[in-house]
């Protein structure tokens, strides 16, 4: 691996950072909102599944328990 001096390294880093395409404020806001919406939908989905499983188990255990 070739060694470069610190000045060349900083110049290379700056040139690479200049190539980065940064998202706009609108893109960041939209993706953030989408993440919160998907997290909420996932939470609701698993809550409903949990309620269904709990109801099924209590029904089966109640049927065989009494």
N, C-alpha and C. Protein backbone atom coordinates (compact mmCIF):
# COMPACT_ATOMS: atom_id res chain seq x y z
N UNK A 1 0.84 -1.16 0.00
CA UNK A 1 0.00 0.00 0.00
C UNK A 1 0.90 1.24 0.00
N UNK A 2 0.61 2.17 -0.90
CA UNK A 2 1.44 3.37 -1.02
C UNK A 2 1.07 4.35 0.08
N UNK A 3 2.08 4.94 0.66
CA UNK A 3 1.87 5.94 1.70
C UNK A 3 1.70 7.32 1.05
N UNK A 4 0.74 8.08 1.52
CA UNK A 4 0.58 9.45 1.05
C UNK A 4 0.76 10.38 2.23
N UNK A 5 1.18 11.58 1.92
CA UNK A 5 1.36 12.52 3.03
C UNK A 5 0.00 13.06 3.44
N UNK A 6 -0.09 13.65 4.61
CA UNK A 6 -1.38 14.12 5.12
C UNK A 6 -2.08 15.13 4.20
N UNK A 7 -1.34 15.97 3.54
CA UNK A 7 -1.94 16.97 2.65
C UNK A 7 -2.62 16.29 1.46
N UNK A 8 -1.98 15.29 0.87
CA UNK A 8 -2.60 14.55 -0.23
C UNK A 8 -3.84 13.80 0.25
N UNK A 9 -3.75 13.25 1.44
CA UNK A 9 -4.89 12.52 1.99
C UNK A 9 -6.10 13.44 2.14
N UNK A 10 -5.89 14.62 2.71
CA UNK A 10 -6.99 15.58 2.90
C UNK A 10 -7.55 16.00 1.55
N UNK A 11 -6.69 16.21 0.57
CA UNK A 11 -7.17 16.59 -0.77
C UNK A 11 -8.01 15.47 -1.39
N UNK A 12 -7.58 14.24 -1.21
CA UNK A 12 -8.34 13.11 -1.75
C UNK A 12 -9.69 12.97 -1.05
N UNK A 13 -9.70 13.16 0.25
CA UNK A 13 -10.96 13.07 1.00
C UNK A 13 -11.91 14.17 0.54
N UNK A 14 -11.41 15.37 0.38
CA UNK A 14 -12.27 16.49 -0.07
C UNK A 14 -12.83 16.22 -1.46
N UNK A 15 -12.02 15.65 -2.35
CA UNK A 15 -12.51 15.37 -3.71
C UNK A 15 -13.58 14.27 -3.68
N UNK A 16 -13.43 13.30 -2.81
CA UNK A 16 -14.43 12.24 -2.71
C UNK A 16 -15.72 12.76 -2.09
N UNK A 17 -15.61 13.60 -1.08
CA UNK A 17 -16.81 14.17 -0.45
C UNK A 17 -17.56 15.06 -1.43
N UNK A 18 -16.84 15.72 -2.32
CA UNK A 18 -17.49 16.57 -3.32
C UNK A 18 -18.33 15.75 -4.30
N UNK A 19 -18.03 14.47 -4.47
CA UNK A 19 -18.78 13.60 -5.37
C UNK A 19 -20.09 13.10 -4.76
N UNK A 20 -20.25 13.24 -3.46
CA UNK A 20 -21.44 12.72 -2.78
C UNK A 20 -22.65 13.55 -3.17
N UNK A 21 -23.75 12.87 -3.48
CA UNK A 21 -25.00 13.55 -3.78
C UNK A 21 -25.84 13.54 -2.51
N UNK A 22 -25.97 14.70 -1.89
CA UNK A 22 -26.69 14.80 -0.63
C UNK A 22 -28.18 14.92 -0.88
N UNK A 23 -29.01 14.30 -0.04
CA UNK A 23 -30.46 14.41 -0.24
C UNK A 23 -30.95 15.81 0.10
N UNK A 24 -32.04 16.18 -0.52
CA UNK A 24 -32.64 17.49 -0.23
C UNK A 24 -33.42 17.41 1.08
N UNK A 25 -33.78 18.56 1.60
CA UNK A 25 -34.55 18.61 2.84
C UNK A 25 -35.89 17.89 2.66
N UNK A 26 -36.50 18.07 1.49
CA UNK A 26 -37.79 17.42 1.20
C UNK A 26 -37.64 15.90 1.20
N UNK A 27 -36.58 15.38 0.58
CA UNK A 27 -36.36 13.94 0.55
C UNK A 27 -36.16 13.38 1.95
N UNK A 28 -35.42 14.09 2.77
CA UNK A 28 -35.18 13.63 4.14
C UNK A 28 -36.49 13.62 4.92
N UNK A 29 -37.28 14.67 4.78
CA UNK A 29 -38.56 14.73 5.50
C UNK A 29 -39.50 13.62 5.05
N UNK A 30 -39.58 13.39 3.73
CA UNK A 30 -40.48 12.34 3.23
C UNK A 30 -40.05 10.96 3.70
N UNK A 31 -38.77 10.66 3.64
CA UNK A 31 -38.32 9.35 4.08
C UNK A 31 -38.48 9.17 5.58
N UNK A 32 -38.29 10.25 6.34
CA UNK A 32 -38.49 10.17 7.79
C UNK A 32 -39.95 9.90 8.12
N UNK A 33 -40.85 10.58 7.43
CA UNK A 33 -42.28 10.36 7.65
C UNK A 33 -42.65 8.93 7.27
N UNK A 34 -42.11 8.44 6.16
CA UNK A 34 -42.40 7.07 5.74
C UNK A 34 -41.91 6.05 6.77
N UNK A 35 -40.76 6.30 7.37
CA UNK A 35 -40.25 5.39 8.40
C UNK A 35 -41.20 5.37 9.59
N UNK A 36 -41.67 6.54 10.03
CA UNK A 36 -42.60 6.57 11.16
C UNK A 36 -43.93 5.88 10.83
N UNK A 37 -44.41 6.08 9.61
CA UNK A 37 -45.67 5.43 9.20
C UNK A 37 -45.49 3.91 9.18
N UNK A 38 -44.40 3.44 8.60
CA UNK A 38 -44.17 1.99 8.54
C UNK A 38 -43.97 1.39 9.93
N UNK A 39 -43.30 2.13 10.82
CA UNK A 39 -43.12 1.64 12.19
C UNK A 39 -44.47 1.54 12.90
N UNK A 40 -45.33 2.54 12.70
CA UNK A 40 -46.66 2.51 13.32
C UNK A 40 -47.50 1.35 12.77
N UNK A 41 -47.46 1.16 11.45
CA UNK A 41 -48.22 0.05 10.86
C UNK A 41 -47.71 -1.30 11.35
N UNK A 42 -46.41 -1.43 11.48
CA UNK A 42 -45.85 -2.67 11.98
C UNK A 42 -46.27 -2.92 13.42
N UNK A 43 -46.26 -1.87 14.24
CA UNK A 43 -46.68 -2.01 15.64
C UNK A 43 -48.14 -2.42 15.73
N UNK A 44 -49.00 -1.81 14.91
CA UNK A 44 -50.42 -2.17 14.92
C UNK A 44 -50.60 -3.61 14.46
N UNK A 45 -49.88 -4.01 13.41
CA UNK A 45 -49.99 -5.38 12.90
C UNK A 45 -49.64 -6.39 13.99
N UNK A 46 -48.51 -6.19 14.65
CA UNK A 46 -48.09 -7.16 15.67
C UNK A 46 -48.99 -7.10 16.90
N UNK A 47 -49.56 -5.96 17.21
CA UNK A 47 -50.50 -5.88 18.33
C UNK A 47 -51.76 -6.69 18.02
N UNK A 48 -52.26 -6.57 16.80
CA UNK A 48 -53.45 -7.34 16.40
C UNK A 48 -53.15 -8.83 16.41
N UNK A 49 -52.00 -9.23 15.87
CA UNK A 49 -51.62 -10.65 15.88
C UNK A 49 -51.50 -11.15 17.32
N UNK A 50 -50.93 -10.33 18.20
CA UNK A 50 -50.81 -10.71 19.61
C UNK A 50 -52.17 -10.91 20.25
N UNK A 51 -53.11 -10.03 19.96
CA UNK A 51 -54.47 -10.15 20.51
C UNK A 51 -55.14 -11.42 20.00
N UNK A 52 -54.97 -11.71 18.71
CA UNK A 52 -55.58 -12.92 18.13
C UNK A 52 -54.99 -14.18 18.77
N UNK A 53 -53.68 -14.22 18.90
CA UNK A 53 -53.04 -15.40 19.51
C UNK A 53 -53.46 -15.55 20.97
N UNK A 54 -53.51 -14.44 21.71
CA UNK A 54 -53.93 -14.50 23.11
C UNK A 54 -55.36 -15.01 23.23
N UNK A 55 -56.26 -14.51 22.37
CA UNK A 55 -57.65 -14.96 22.39
C UNK A 55 -57.73 -16.45 22.09
N UNK A 56 -56.97 -16.90 21.08
CA UNK A 56 -57.00 -18.32 20.73
C UNK A 56 -56.48 -19.20 21.85
N UNK A 57 -55.38 -18.78 22.46
CA UNK A 57 -54.83 -19.59 23.56
C UNK A 57 -55.76 -19.63 24.77
N UNK A 58 -56.33 -18.49 25.14
CA UNK A 58 -57.24 -18.50 26.29
C UNK A 58 -58.48 -19.33 25.99
N UNK A 59 -58.93 -19.32 24.73
CA UNK A 59 -60.10 -20.12 24.37
C UNK A 59 -59.77 -21.62 24.47
N UNK A 60 -58.63 -22.00 23.95
CA UNK A 60 -58.24 -23.42 23.99
C UNK A 60 -57.99 -23.84 25.43
N UNK A 61 -57.28 -23.05 26.19
CA UNK A 61 -57.00 -23.41 27.58
C UNK A 61 -58.29 -23.39 28.43
N UNK A 62 -59.19 -22.48 28.13
CA UNK A 62 -60.47 -22.45 28.84
C UNK A 62 -61.33 -23.65 28.52
N UNK A 63 -61.29 -24.10 27.28
CA UNK A 63 -62.06 -25.26 26.86
C UNK A 63 -61.55 -26.52 27.55
N UNK A 64 -60.26 -26.70 27.61
CA UNK A 64 -59.71 -27.91 28.22
C UNK A 64 -59.55 -27.78 29.73
N UNK A 65 -59.59 -26.57 30.25
CA UNK A 65 -59.41 -26.38 31.69
C UNK A 65 -60.68 -26.57 32.50
N UNK A 66 -61.82 -26.35 31.89
CA UNK A 66 -63.05 -26.43 32.69
C UNK A 66 -63.89 -27.62 32.37
